[in-house]
Amino acid sequence: MELFYIILLLFAFIISIVLTVKTFNFTKTMWKFKNRKKDGSEDKDFKYFD
Protein backbone atom coordinates (compact mmCIF):
# COMPACT_ATOMS: atom_id res chain seq x y z
CA MET A 1 0.00 0.00 0.00
CA GLU A 2 2.86 2.37 0.77
CA LEU A 3 4.41 1.62 -2.62
CA PHE A 4 1.18 2.61 -4.36
CA TYR A 5 1.12 5.86 -2.37
CA ILE A 6 4.73 6.66 -3.31
CA ILE A 7 4.05 5.99 -7.00
CA LEU A 8 0.94 8.19 -6.86
CA LEU A 9 2.87 11.06 -5.24
CA LEU A 10 5.68 10.72 -7.78
CA PHE A 11 3.17 10.82 -10.64
CA ALA A 12 1.50 13.93 -9.20
CA PHE A 13 4.89 15.59 -8.75
CA ILE A 14 5.85 14.92 -12.38
CA ILE A 15 2.52 16.31 -13.62
CA SER A 16 2.95 19.45 -11.52
CA ILE A 17 6.48 20.03 -12.88
CA VAL A 18 5.27 19.64 -16.48
CA LEU A 19 2.34 22.02 -15.92
CA THR A 20 4.63 24.58 -14.28
CA VAL A 21 7.01 24.54 -17.25
CA LYS A 22 4.16 24.77 -19.79
CA THR A 23 2.54 27.65 -17.87
CA PHE A 24 5.85 29.51 -17.69
CA ASN A 25 6.45 29.14 -21.43
CA PHE A 26 2.89 30.26 -22.25
CA THR A 27 3.16 33.27 -19.91
CA LYS A 28 6.49 34.27 -21.45
CA THR A 29 5.01 34.06 -24.97
CA MET A 30 1.94 36.06 -23.97
CA TRP A 31 4.11 38.71 -22.30
CA LYS A 32 6.15 39.05 -25.52
CA PHE A 33 2.92 39.26 -27.54
CA LYS A 34 1.44 41.91 -25.24
CA ASN A 35 4.62 44.04 -25.34
CA ARG A 36 5.30 43.77 -29.07
CA LYS A 37 5.87 46.83 -31.21
CA LYS A 38 2.72 48.53 -32.45
CA ASP A 39 3.88 48.79 -36.08
CA GLY A 40 3.44 45.04 -36.66
CA SER A 41 7.10 44.38 -37.41
CA GLU A 42 7.22 41.51 -34.91
CA ASP A 43 3.94 39.86 -35.90
CA LYS A 44 5.71 37.19 -37.98
CA ASP A 45 6.88 35.67 -34.67
CA PHE A 46 3.28 35.04 -33.60
CA LYS A 47 1.82 33.00 -36.46
CA TYR A 48 0.91 30.40 -33.83
CA PHE A 49 -2.04 32.49 -32.62
CA ASP A 50 -3.66 32.94 -36.06
C-alpha atoms as a PDB file:
ATOM      1  CA  MET A   1       0.000   0.000   0.000  1.00  0.00           C
ATOM      2  CA  GLU A   2       2.864   2.370   0.765  1.00  0.00           C
ATOM      3  CA  LEU A   3       4.413   1.625  -2.622  1.00  0.00           C
ATOM      4  CA  PHE A   4       1.177   2.610  -4.355  1.00  0.00           C
ATOM      5  CA  TYR A   5       1.115   5.863  -2.366  1.00  0.00           C
ATOM      6  CA  ILE A   6       4.735   6.664  -3.308  1.00  0.00           C
ATOM      7  CA  ILE A   7       4.050   5.994  -6.997  1.00  0.00           C
ATOM      8  CA  LEU A   8       0.937   8.192  -6.857  1.00  0.00           C
ATOM      9  CA  LEU A   9       2.867  11.061  -5.243  1.00  0.00           C
ATOM     10  CA  LEU A  10       5.681  10.725  -7.776  1.00  0.00           C
ATOM     11  CA  PHE A  11       3.174  10.818 -10.639  1.00  0.00           C
ATOM     12  CA  ALA A  12       1.499  13.932  -9.200  1.00  0.00           C
ATOM     13  CA  PHE A  13       4.890  15.592  -8.751  1.00  0.00           C
ATOM     14  CA  ILE A  14       5.854  14.923 -12.383  1.00  0.00           C
ATOM     15  CA  ILE A  15       2.523  16.306 -13.619  1.00  0.00           C
ATOM     16  CA  SER A  16       2.954  19.454 -11.518  1.00  0.00           C
ATOM     17  CA  ILE A  17       6.477  20.027 -12.877  1.00  0.00           C
ATOM     18  CA  VAL A  18       5.272  19.644 -16.484  1.00  0.00           C
ATOM     19  CA  LEU A  19       2.343  22.018 -15.917  1.00  0.00           C
ATOM     20  CA  THR A  20       4.634  24.579 -14.281  1.00  0.00           C
ATOM     21  CA  VAL A  21       7.012  24.544 -17.253  1.00  0.00           C
ATOM     22  CA  LYS A  22       4.161  24.773 -19.790  1.00  0.00           C
ATOM     23  CA  THR A  23       2.539  27.646 -17.875  1.00  0.00           C
ATOM     24  CA  PHE A  24       5.848  29.510 -17.687  1.00  0.00           C
ATOM     25  CA  ASN A  25       6.449  29.140 -21.431  1.00  0.00           C
ATOM     26  CA  PHE A  26       2.890  30.259 -22.254  1.00  0.00           C
ATOM     27  CA  THR A  27       3.162  33.267 -19.912  1.00  0.00           C
ATOM     28  CA  LYS A  28       6.493  34.270 -21.453  1.00  0.00           C
ATOM     29  CA  THR A  29       5.014  34.059 -24.966  1.00  0.00           C
ATOM     30  CA  MET A  30       1.936  36.065 -23.971  1.00  0.00           C
ATOM     31  CA  TRP A  31       4.113  38.707 -22.305  1.00  0.00           C
ATOM     32  CA  LYS A  32       6.148  39.048 -25.516  1.00  0.00           C
ATOM     33  CA  PHE A  33       2.917  39.255 -27.543  1.00  0.00           C
ATOM     34  CA  LYS A  34       1.443  41.912 -25.239  1.00  0.00           C
ATOM     35  CA  ASN A  35       4.616  44.040 -25.336  1.00  0.00           C
ATOM     36  CA  ARG A  36       5.300  43.775 -29.073  1.00  0.00           C
ATOM     37  CA  LYS A  37       5.870  46.828 -31.209  1.00  0.00           C
ATOM     38  CA  LYS A  38       2.715  48.526 -32.453  1.00  0.00           C
ATOM     39  CA  ASP A  39       3.877  48.786 -36.083  1.00  0.00           C
ATOM     40  CA  GLY A  40       3.438  45.044 -36.664  1.00  0.00           C
ATOM     41  CA  SER A  41       7.104  44.383 -37.408  1.00  0.00           C
ATOM     42  CA  GLU A  42       7.224  41.507 -34.907  1.00  0.00           C
ATOM     43  CA  ASP A  43       3.943  39.859 -35.898  1.00  0.00           C
ATOM     44  CA  LYS A  44       5.714  37.192 -37.977  1.00  0.00           C
ATOM     45  CA  ASP A  45       6.883  35.669 -34.668  1.00  0.00           C
ATOM     46  CA  PHE A  46       3.281  35.039 -33.603  1.00  0.00           C
ATOM     47  CA  LYS A  47       1.816  33.005 -36.460  1.00  0.00           C
ATOM     48  CA  TYR A  48       0.906  30.398 -33.829  1.00  0.00           C
ATOM     49  CA  PHE A  49      -2.042  32.494 -32.624  1.00  0.00           C
ATOM     50  CA  ASP A  50      -3.655  32.941 -36.060  1.00  0.00           C
END
